[in-house]
Each structure stands twice: as structure tokens, then as C-alpha cells.
Amino acid sequence: MKTVLFILLDRYADWEAAPLASVINRQPGWQVQTVSPAGSPVRSLGGFTTVPEGAVPAQLPPDCAGVVLIGGLSWRTEAAGAAEAPVRDAAARGIVIGAICDATVFLGRIGLLNDTPHTGNLLPDLQDYAGNGYSGSLFYRNENVVRSGRLVTANGTAAMEFAREMAVALELMSAEDAARWHRLFTLGFHAAPEDAFWWFGRMNSGGES
């Protein structure tokens, strides 16, 4: 079983987590594990109370295939510090890292966006908050989502695009299949009927293409 760790802080953006989590959990042999800084319940911006499966670990478990930082309103607080150790562990071990919305400024602050293409909400805001930890402005892209090797970053309007690129980075889907999934769930059944038949056929066969 491969695990993807979702780090949730209080006031997290639930709509940024759900599309990717649903793709992961419907894939045989994969699971999402939610964690918070103290393992305590967190409340989302949408008003959902989530009871995590544990606390943010200092070191990632052997079966960890990815770490996902879900955006929200707490990545500029002391609580975010709990995520630094596992994120650095993931970077050192070549484990996929995904960050969306304000979680990108956290990656910038700890120096993980200095030498690889990335995006976020706004470059000036990233520079201002990350301060001396960030020197990667030449690698910043004014795009909704950027996948650079095993790092995926996205702005807060791009939950579906984030899920698409994370699915590719995690090797859950090929780029073509991820594009079909994204097209279906952004355009809908009637505009993308072939993709609908493909997706539900895939689900009925246990997630295999």
C-alpha cells in the first residue's frame, strides 16, 4: 500500500484537497492519510471538522509516496513549522511534494523553491513573506499549476489542475489519462461524453485503464 500524506492546518481549504484525494483513494493499492500538527481535529474554511489520522511526523513512513500541503489561512502561523521536517525529508528522498495556494509561500520560506520552476498566488507576496529564504524569482511562472519533476505547485484557483499534475507526478495516471480526467470534471458529462465512459469504465474495473 502506498500512502500520500495530506498535511492539514486549521482553516484549511477543503476544496483544494478533495479532487486529488478522491483520485488517490480510488486507485488500488493507494491511500490518503491526513495529519495535523498535533493530530488534533482541524476545521476547514468550508466548515468541515476533520479528525486526522495522526500528528505530522518528523520523518516520513517507508510507504510514503507523496506529501501534499493543502492551502488555507494558517501557513503563516507557528503551526506551519510542524511541516518543515517531513517536507525536507521528502525532498531529500525524492518523494513527490505538492503545495497549493498559500502553502507555496511556506515552501518558499524554507528554501525549497529556489532552483526549480514553480508558481503560487502572487510573486510579490511570495517574495515578501518568504524573505531571505527565497531567491527563486527567476524560476517563478505565472501559471495556474507547475509540475517540475517531483514538485507540483499551484495557485488557489487551480484545485483541479493541481490534482491533474499530482496524479502524473505520483504516476497514478499517464499525462494523457490525467488530461482526460481533468477534461471530464471541468467540462462535465455532456461536453465530454467519451471521457465519462472512459472514467467510469476505469472505476468499474478497479481503477485500471
Foldseek 3Di string as FASTA:
>chain_A
DAEEEEEDEAQFAVLLPPVLQVLQPLAPPYHYFYAYQAQQWHAYVVGDIDRGPGHLDLADDPRYQYYEYTHGDPCLDPRVVSNPNHVVNCVVVVHAYEYEEPVVLSCQLQQNQQPAAWEYADVVVSCVSSPPSHDRPVRYDPDQWDDTQRYIYGYPVPSLVSSLSNCCNSVLDPNVLSVLVSCCVVVHCVVRVVSVVVVVVCSVVSNHD
